[in-house]
Amino acid sequence: MSIGEPAGSEGIDVRTPNAARMYDYYLGGSHNFAADRQAAERAVEITPVMIPGARANRAFLQRAVRFCLDQGIRQFLDLGSGIPTVGHVHQIAHERDSSVRVAYVDNEPVAVSHTGQLLDGVENATISRADLRKPDEVLAEPGVAGLLDFDEPMAVLAAAVLHFVGDEEGPAELVDSYRRAVAPGSFMVVSHITDHYDEPDRVEEISRLYRDTSHLANHRSVDEFAALLGDLELVEPGLVHAVDWHPDSDEVPEGARNAFWVAVGKC
């Protein structure tokens, strides 16, 4: 392992930029490699909204978790949970109630390794290495099936992850599979990159950049994102930009508005 590489990186491809680790960089995290930082910095050069957009999405996720807690939800399934940074889902939830159960799922080895380290000694939280595109396998994971009670309402989180699922992989069907797996009264929290940011003509340039990473990003229009949600009953204010969903403040960081579509739906 080279100096500056995160612990647990042995056997991991550190030369190919990884979207999850690039997202960690946007959030100000340290669980990324030189190739990730180089690609992320290039993405920021193309469109500076990458950093404020990612952070607006992260803030939305935290607000959505608190909203679900306010509705009585006490268990969370976080799909494509990514690399842990300050304010991870279990930290937000356990500030309110230490008995809340959080099952993280990701297929990125650095994310799984570092989440495991973060959860060492933490009760009521697990990490499973699994691919969200295989719902049956995800739901059968011991860290999921052994922690969560699917007879009781829960929140399924799919934040900043469905854009890595291609149309040919059936993202709408995946959302529906998880919706059908949970009890009535559950919620789904979903966010997705937009198809315009603040400069529409740069979407293709960003897409080309991500083609050289481990994950191809699929930019979708607001109508395409809405189609992924199927017949979910959206809570107010419906499908909006991340900064406009139950905002804590009227102040919007420059460049943060146009990067992510978000919605919370009741199952």
Protein backbone atom coordinates (compact mmCIF):
# COMPACT_ATOMS: atom_id res chain seq x y z
CA MET A 1 0.00 0.00 0.00
CA SER A 2 1.41 3.38 -1.00
CA ILE A 3 1.67 6.34 1.30
CA GLY A 4 -1.60 8.23 1.32
CA GLU A 5 -3.75 5.27 0.32
CA PRO A 6 -6.62 4.46 2.68
CA ALA A 7 -6.30 1.41 4.89
CA GLY A 8 -7.93 -1.68 3.43
CA SER A 9 -6.96 -0.74 -0.14
CA GLU A 10 -4.88 -3.86 -0.77
CA GLY A 11 -6.08 -5.67 -3.87
CA ILE A 12 -8.25 -2.74 -4.98
CA ASP A 13 -7.84 -1.05 -8.37
CA VAL A 14 -6.46 2.35 -7.38
CA ARG A 15 -5.61 3.43 -10.93
CA THR A 16 -9.13 3.56 -12.34
CA PRO A 17 -11.21 6.46 -10.99
CA ASN A 18 -14.18 5.25 -8.98
CA ALA A 19 -17.45 7.19 -8.84
CA ALA A 20 -18.07 6.45 -5.15
CA ARG A 21 -14.61 7.65 -4.19
CA MET A 22 -15.00 10.73 -6.41
CA TYR A 23 -18.24 11.50 -4.58
CA ASP A 24 -16.35 11.16 -1.30
CA TYR A 25 -13.90 13.76 -2.63
CA TYR A 26 -16.77 16.14 -3.51
CA LEU A 27 -18.04 15.79 0.07
CA GLY A 28 -14.61 16.64 1.47
CA GLY A 29 -13.78 13.09 2.53
CA SER A 30 -10.39 11.40 2.62
CA HIS A 31 -11.27 7.90 1.39
CA ASN A 32 -10.08 8.37 -2.19
CA PHE A 33 -6.98 7.79 -4.31
CA ALA A 34 -4.93 10.01 -6.62
CA ALA A 35 -6.80 8.79 -9.72
CA ASP A 36 -10.13 9.60 -8.06
CA ARG A 37 -8.99 13.07 -7.06
CA GLN A 38 -7.62 13.80 -10.53
CA ALA A 39 -10.90 12.77 -12.19
CA ALA A 40 -12.98 14.64 -9.61
CA GLU A 41 -10.95 17.80 -10.05
CA ARG A 42 -11.43 17.52 -13.82
CA ALA A 43 -15.19 17.14 -13.27
CA VAL A 44 -15.19 20.29 -11.14
CA GLU A 45 -13.33 22.13 -13.91
CA ILE A 46 -16.01 21.08 -16.39
CA THR A 47 -18.86 22.13 -14.11
CA PRO A 48 -18.22 23.70 -10.71
CA VAL A 49 -21.64 22.57 -9.44
CA MET A 50 -20.23 19.11 -8.71
CA ILE A 51 -19.13 20.00 -5.17
CA PRO A 52 -22.06 22.20 -4.04
CA GLY A 53 -24.45 19.79 -5.77
CA ALA A 54 -23.06 16.73 -3.99
CA ARG A 55 -23.18 18.51 -0.67
CA ALA A 56 -26.75 19.67 -1.29
CA ASN A 57 -27.69 16.07 -1.99
CA ARG A 58 -26.00 14.92 1.20
CA ALA A 59 -27.89 17.56 3.18
CA PHE A 60 -31.15 16.43 1.56
CA LEU A 61 -30.46 12.84 2.63
CA GLN A 62 -29.91 13.94 6.21
CA ARG A 63 -33.15 15.98 6.22
CA ALA A 64 -35.02 13.04 4.71
CA VAL A 65 -33.72 10.70 7.42
CA ARG A 66 -34.96 13.11 10.09
CA PHE A 67 -38.30 13.38 8.29
CA CYS A 68 -38.67 9.59 8.31
CA LEU A 69 -37.82 9.50 12.00
CA ASP A 70 -40.54 12.10 12.59
CA GLN A 71 -42.98 9.72 10.85
CA GLY A 72 -42.09 6.94 13.30
CA ILE A 73 -39.65 5.04 11.10
CA ARG A 74 -37.07 3.18 13.15
CA GLN A 75 -35.23 1.13 10.51
CA PHE A 76 -33.39 2.09 7.34
CA LEU A 77 -32.05 0.19 4.33
CA ASP A 78 -29.40 2.34 2.63
CA LEU A 79 -28.71 1.12 -0.92
CA GLY A 80 -25.43 2.17 -2.48
CA SER A 81 -24.55 3.79 0.81
CA GLY A 82 -21.12 4.91 -0.35
CA ILE A 83 -18.09 5.87 1.68
CA PRO A 84 -18.78 7.07 5.23
CA THR A 85 -18.41 10.76 5.95
CA VAL A 86 -19.52 12.85 8.91
CA GLY A 87 -23.29 12.68 9.29
CA HIS A 88 -23.78 9.15 7.97
CA VAL A 89 -27.33 7.78 8.26
CA HIS A 90 -26.83 5.87 11.51
CA GLN A 91 -25.22 8.91 13.12
CA ILE A 92 -28.19 11.10 12.23
CA ALA A 93 -30.65 8.43 13.38
CA HIS A 94 -28.85 7.54 16.61
CA GLU A 95 -28.80 11.18 17.68
CA ARG A 96 -32.56 10.71 17.99
CA ASP A 97 -32.81 7.07 19.06
CA SER A 98 -29.93 4.61 19.53
CA SER A 99 -32.28 1.67 18.88
CA VAL A 100 -32.84 2.68 15.25
CA ARG A 101 -31.54 -0.03 12.91
CA VAL A 102 -29.54 0.87 9.80
CA ALA A 103 -28.46 -1.67 7.17
CA TYR A 104 -25.94 -0.26 4.73
CA VAL A 105 -25.40 -1.95 1.35
CA ASP A 106 -22.69 -1.21 -1.20
CA ASN A 107 -20.63 -3.14 -3.72
CA GLU A 108 -17.59 -0.85 -3.65
CA PRO A 109 -14.82 -2.48 -1.58
CA VAL A 110 -13.39 0.73 -0.12
CA ALA A 111 -16.88 1.85 0.92
CA VAL A 112 -17.55 -1.50 2.57
CA SER A 113 -14.16 -1.60 4.29
CA HIS A 114 -14.39 1.89 5.72
CA THR A 115 -18.01 1.55 6.73
CA GLY A 116 -17.05 -1.62 8.58
CA GLN A 117 -14.34 0.28 10.42
CA LEU A 118 -16.76 3.09 11.25
CA LEU A 119 -19.32 0.63 12.60
CA ASP A 120 -16.88 -1.25 14.81
CA GLY A 121 -18.56 -1.31 18.20
CA VAL A 122 -21.72 0.40 16.93
CA GLU A 123 -24.92 -1.45 17.73
CA ASN A 124 -27.92 -1.67 15.38
CA ALA A 125 -25.96 -0.94 12.21
CA THR A 126 -24.45 -3.27 9.60
CA ILE A 127 -22.67 -3.12 6.26
CA SER A 128 -23.19 -5.71 3.53
CA ARG A 129 -21.29 -6.00 0.26
CA ALA A 130 -23.99 -6.54 -2.34
CA ASP A 131 -25.22 -5.07 -5.62
CA LEU A 132 -28.49 -3.12 -5.41
CA ARG A 133 -29.28 -4.31 -8.94
CA LYS A 134 -29.89 -7.77 -7.44
CA PRO A 135 -32.70 -7.13 -4.93
CA ASP A 136 -33.20 -10.78 -3.97
CA GLU A 137 -29.54 -11.07 -2.99
CA VAL A 138 -29.55 -7.75 -1.15
CA LEU A 139 -32.63 -8.65 0.87
CA ALA A 140 -31.18 -12.05 1.77
CA GLU A 141 -27.89 -10.64 3.07
CA PRO A 142 -27.43 -11.51 6.78
CA GLY A 143 -26.67 -7.88 7.54
CA VAL A 144 -30.03 -6.93 6.03
CA ALA A 145 -32.36 -9.85 6.75
CA GLY A 146 -30.84 -10.39 10.19
CA LEU A 147 -31.22 -6.75 11.24
CA LEU A 148 -34.37 -5.40 9.62
CA ASP A 149 -37.95 -6.54 10.19
CA PHE A 150 -39.74 -6.47 6.84
CA ASP A 151 -43.10 -6.82 8.56
CA GLU A 152 -42.62 -3.33 9.99
CA PRO A 153 -42.32 -0.03 8.06
CA MET A 154 -38.84 1.12 7.09
CA ALA A 155 -37.17 3.71 4.89
CA VAL A 156 -35.34 2.55 1.78
CA LEU A 157 -32.68 5.05 0.76
CA ALA A 158 -31.41 5.21 -2.82
CA ALA A 159 -29.51 8.49 -2.80
CA ALA A 160 -27.21 9.42 -5.69
CA VAL A 161 -27.08 5.83 -6.92
CA LEU A 162 -29.79 5.14 -9.52
CA HIS A 163 -27.95 7.18 -12.15
CA PHE A 164 -25.36 4.38 -12.14
CA VAL A 165 -28.08 1.95 -13.25
CA GLY A 166 -28.51 1.94 -17.02
CA ASP A 167 -31.89 1.93 -18.73
CA GLU A 168 -31.22 -1.61 -19.92
CA GLU A 169 -30.91 -2.70 -16.28
CA GLY A 170 -34.45 -1.59 -15.43
CA PRO A 171 -34.04 1.11 -12.76
CA ALA A 172 -37.82 1.60 -12.47
CA GLU A 173 -38.29 -2.12 -11.93
CA LEU A 174 -35.60 -2.05 -9.24
CA VAL A 175 -37.38 0.74 -7.38
CA ASP A 176 -40.61 -1.23 -7.63
CA SER A 177 -38.92 -4.41 -6.35
CA TYR A 178 -37.79 -2.68 -3.18
CA ARG A 179 -41.14 -0.92 -2.79
CA ARG A 180 -42.96 -4.25 -2.94
CA ALA A 181 -40.54 -5.82 -0.45
CA VAL A 182 -41.34 -3.43 2.40
CA ALA A 183 -44.36 -3.11 4.66
CA PRO A 184 -47.13 -0.56 4.09
CA GLY A 185 -46.27 2.75 5.70
CA SER A 186 -42.66 2.56 4.54
CA PHE A 187 -40.88 5.34 2.66
CA MET A 188 -38.48 5.50 -0.25
CA VAL A 189 -35.93 8.31 -0.40
CA VAL A 190 -34.48 8.81 -3.87
CA SER A 191 -32.13 11.29 -5.50
CA HIS A 192 -30.65 11.39 -8.99
CA ILE A 193 -28.35 13.66 -10.98
CA THR A 194 -30.14 15.97 -13.39
CA ASP A 195 -29.65 16.32 -17.10
CA HIS A 196 -28.60 19.95 -17.05
CA TYR A 197 -26.70 21.12 -13.95
CA ASP A 198 -26.38 24.86 -14.52
CA GLU A 199 -24.82 24.50 -17.97
CA PRO A 200 -26.68 21.99 -20.18
CA ASP A 201 -24.01 21.81 -22.88
CA ARG A 202 -21.52 20.35 -20.41
CA VAL A 203 -23.52 17.21 -19.60
CA GLU A 204 -21.97 15.25 -22.46
CA GLU A 205 -18.47 16.27 -21.35
CA ILE A 206 -19.18 15.03 -17.82
CA SER A 207 -20.65 11.83 -19.26
CA ARG A 208 -17.46 11.22 -21.25
CA LEU A 209 -15.39 11.71 -18.11
CA TYR A 210 -17.44 9.17 -16.15
CA ARG A 211 -17.15 6.63 -18.98
CA ASP A 212 -13.50 6.36 -17.98
CA THR A 213 -14.39 5.55 -14.36
CA SER A 214 -15.70 2.33 -12.85
CA HIS A 215 -19.30 3.59 -13.18
CA LEU A 216 -21.06 5.19 -16.13
CA ALA A 217 -23.36 8.00 -14.97
CA ASN A 218 -26.74 8.32 -16.69
CA HIS A 219 -28.14 11.85 -16.71
CA ARG A 220 -31.94 11.82 -16.75
CA SER A 221 -34.57 14.49 -17.27
CA VAL A 222 -37.16 15.32 -14.65
CA ASP A 223 -39.73 13.24 -16.56
CA GLU A 224 -37.34 10.28 -16.77
CA PHE A 225 -36.66 10.53 -13.04
CA ALA A 226 -40.39 10.71 -12.31
CA ALA A 227 -40.87 7.53 -14.35
CA LEU A 228 -38.42 5.70 -12.07
CA LEU A 229 -40.66 6.45 -9.08
CA GLY A 230 -43.67 4.60 -10.51
CA ASP A 231 -46.78 4.87 -8.35
CA LEU A 232 -45.06 6.01 -5.17
CA GLU A 233 -47.17 8.52 -3.27
CA LEU A 234 -44.82 11.49 -3.07
CA VAL A 235 -44.82 13.55 0.09
CA GLU A 236 -44.80 17.33 -0.22
CA PRO A 237 -43.23 19.13 -1.96
CA GLY A 238 -43.02 16.23 -4.43
CA LEU A 239 -40.24 15.96 -7.00
CA VAL A 240 -37.92 18.95 -6.62
CA HIS A 241 -34.26 19.94 -6.60
CA ALA A 242 -32.34 18.81 -3.52
CA VAL A 243 -32.16 22.28 -1.98
CA ASP A 244 -35.94 22.70 -2.25
CA TRP A 245 -36.98 19.63 -0.25
CA HIS A 246 -37.88 20.73 3.30
CA PRO A 247 -34.99 23.22 3.39
CA ASP A 248 -33.49 24.27 6.70
CA SER A 249 -32.75 27.73 5.34
CA ASP A 250 -33.77 30.07 2.54
CA GLU A 251 -30.12 30.44 1.61
CA VAL A 252 -28.99 28.29 -1.31
CA PRO A 253 -25.25 27.80 -1.85
CA GLU A 254 -24.12 29.03 -5.26
CA GLY A 255 -24.37 26.25 -7.84
CA ALA A 256 -26.27 23.86 -5.56
CA ARG A 257 -29.74 24.06 -7.10
CA ASN A 258 -29.56 22.23 -10.40
CA ALA A 259 -27.47 19.15 -9.71
CA PHE A 260 -29.94 16.66 -8.17
CA TRP A 261 -33.59 15.71 -8.49
CA VAL A 262 -35.00 14.31 -5.23
CA ALA A 263 -38.22 12.84 -3.91
CA VAL A 264 -39.56 10.97 -0.90
CA GLY A 265 -42.41 8.57 -1.51
CA LYS A 266 -44.72 6.61 0.75
CA CYS A 267 -45.08 2.93 -0.07
